Amino acid sequence: MGKLGLTEILVILAIVLLLFGGKKIPELMKGLGSGIKEFKNAAKDDQPANSKKEEETK
């Protein structure tokens, strides 16, 4: 229980296709991709700032 099999994933994808239609899905994926890209950039920018703060406290 808790693991998704191939059948469950296909059912979920079919429901999403029915709800949003074929034209909306590429727009949703584009938005999701850009959100993930922004998150990675923010996380990458945040790491050097944390390293500098740790060096300053030493």
C-alpha atoms as a PDB file:
ATOM      1  CA  MET A   1       0.000   0.000   0.000  1.00  0.00           C
ATOM      2  CA  GLY A   2       1.268   3.479  -0.771  1.00  0.00           C
ATOM      3  CA  LYS A   3       3.073   2.554  -3.979  1.00  0.00           C
ATOM      4  CA  LEU A   4       1.609   3.535  -7.324  1.00  0.00           C
ATOM      5  CA  GLY A   5       1.644   0.935 -10.037  1.00  0.00           C
ATOM      6  CA  LEU A   6       1.444   1.444 -13.777  1.00  0.00           C
ATOM      7  CA  THR A   7      -2.333   1.026 -13.798  1.00  0.00           C
ATOM      8  CA  GLU A   8      -2.868   3.687 -11.135  1.00  0.00           C
ATOM      9  CA  ILE A   9      -0.580   6.155 -12.898  1.00  0.00           C
ATOM     10  CA  LEU A  10      -2.420   5.628 -16.190  1.00  0.00           C
ATOM     11  CA  VAL A  11      -5.791   6.186 -14.491  1.00  0.00           C
ATOM     12  CA  ILE A  12      -4.533   9.404 -12.888  1.00  0.00           C
ATOM     13  CA  LEU A  13      -3.178  10.640 -16.225  1.00  0.00           C
ATOM     14  CA  ALA A  14      -6.489   9.850 -17.943  1.00  0.00           C
ATOM     15  CA  ILE A  15      -8.416  11.810 -15.288  1.00  0.00           C
ATOM     16  CA  VAL A  16      -6.049  14.777 -15.643  1.00  0.00           C
ATOM     17  CA  LEU A  17      -6.485  14.678 -19.422  1.00  0.00           C
ATOM     18  CA  LEU A  18     -10.272  14.655 -19.050  1.00  0.00           C
ATOM     19  CA  LEU A  19     -10.272  17.516 -16.535  1.00  0.00           C
ATOM     20  CA  PHE A  20      -7.859  19.884 -18.245  1.00  0.00           C
ATOM     21  CA  GLY A  21      -7.987  18.849 -21.892  1.00  0.00           C
ATOM     22  CA  GLY A  22      -5.141  18.412 -24.335  1.00  0.00           C
ATOM     23  CA  LYS A  23      -4.435  22.130 -24.797  1.00  0.00           C
ATOM     24  CA  LYS A  24      -4.026  22.987 -21.113  1.00  0.00           C
ATOM     25  CA  ILE A  25      -1.576  20.204 -20.198  1.00  0.00           C
ATOM     26  CA  PRO A  26       1.460  21.686 -22.049  1.00  0.00           C
ATOM     27  CA  GLU A  27       0.781  25.033 -20.365  1.00  0.00           C
ATOM     28  CA  LEU A  28       0.624  23.345 -16.958  1.00  0.00           C
ATOM     29  CA  MET A  29       3.869  21.440 -17.571  1.00  0.00           C
ATOM     30  CA  LYS A  30       5.604  24.615 -18.765  1.00  0.00           C
ATOM     31  CA  GLY A  31       4.563  26.397 -15.581  1.00  0.00           C
ATOM     32  CA  LEU A  32       5.669  23.461 -13.451  1.00  0.00           C
ATOM     33  CA  GLY A  33       9.039  23.314 -15.224  1.00  0.00           C
ATOM     34  CA  SER A  34       9.700  27.019 -14.786  1.00  0.00           C
ATOM     35  CA  GLY A  35       8.732  26.784 -11.118  1.00  0.00           C
ATOM     36  CA  ILE A  36      11.182  23.944 -10.548  1.00  0.00           C
ATOM     37  CA  LYS A  37      13.890  25.892 -12.412  1.00  0.00           C
ATOM     38  CA  GLU A  38      13.323  28.963 -10.229  1.00  0.00           C
ATOM     39  CA  PHE A  39      13.414  26.819  -7.088  1.00  0.00           C
ATOM     40  CA  LYS A  40      16.741  25.257  -8.108  1.00  0.00           C
ATOM     41  CA  ASN A  41      18.220  28.669  -8.880  1.00  0.00           C
ATOM     42  CA  ALA A  42      17.058  30.039  -5.542  1.00  0.00           C
ATOM     43  CA  ALA A  43      18.483  27.035  -3.694  1.00  0.00           C
ATOM     44  CA  LYS A  44      21.774  27.382  -5.571  1.00  0.00           C
ATOM     45  CA  ASP A  45      21.951  31.113  -4.758  1.00  0.00           C
ATOM     46  CA  ASP A  46      21.151  30.458  -1.103  1.00  0.00           C
ATOM     47  CA  GLN A  47      23.984  27.987  -0.477  1.00  0.00           C
ATOM     48  CA  PRO A  48      26.929  30.408  -0.970  1.00  0.00           C
ATOM     49  CA  ALA A  49      25.221  32.924   1.311  1.00  0.00           C
ATOM     50  CA  ASN A  50      25.032  30.303   4.071  1.00  0.00           C
ATOM     51  CA  SER A  51      28.695  29.377   3.574  1.00  0.00           C
ATOM     52  CA  LYS A  52      29.757  33.020   3.875  1.00  0.00           C
ATOM     53  CA  LYS A  53      27.797  33.443   7.114  1.00  0.00           C
ATOM     54  CA  GLU A  54      29.441  30.358   8.614  1.00  0.00           C
ATOM     55  CA  GLU A  55      32.914  31.622   7.676  1.00  0.00           C
ATOM     56  CA  GLU A  56      32.207  35.020   9.229  1.00  0.00           C
ATOM     57  CA  THR A  57      31.217  33.477  12.560  1.00  0.00           C
ATOM     58  CA  LYS A  58      34.526  31.578  12.835  1.00  0.00           C
END
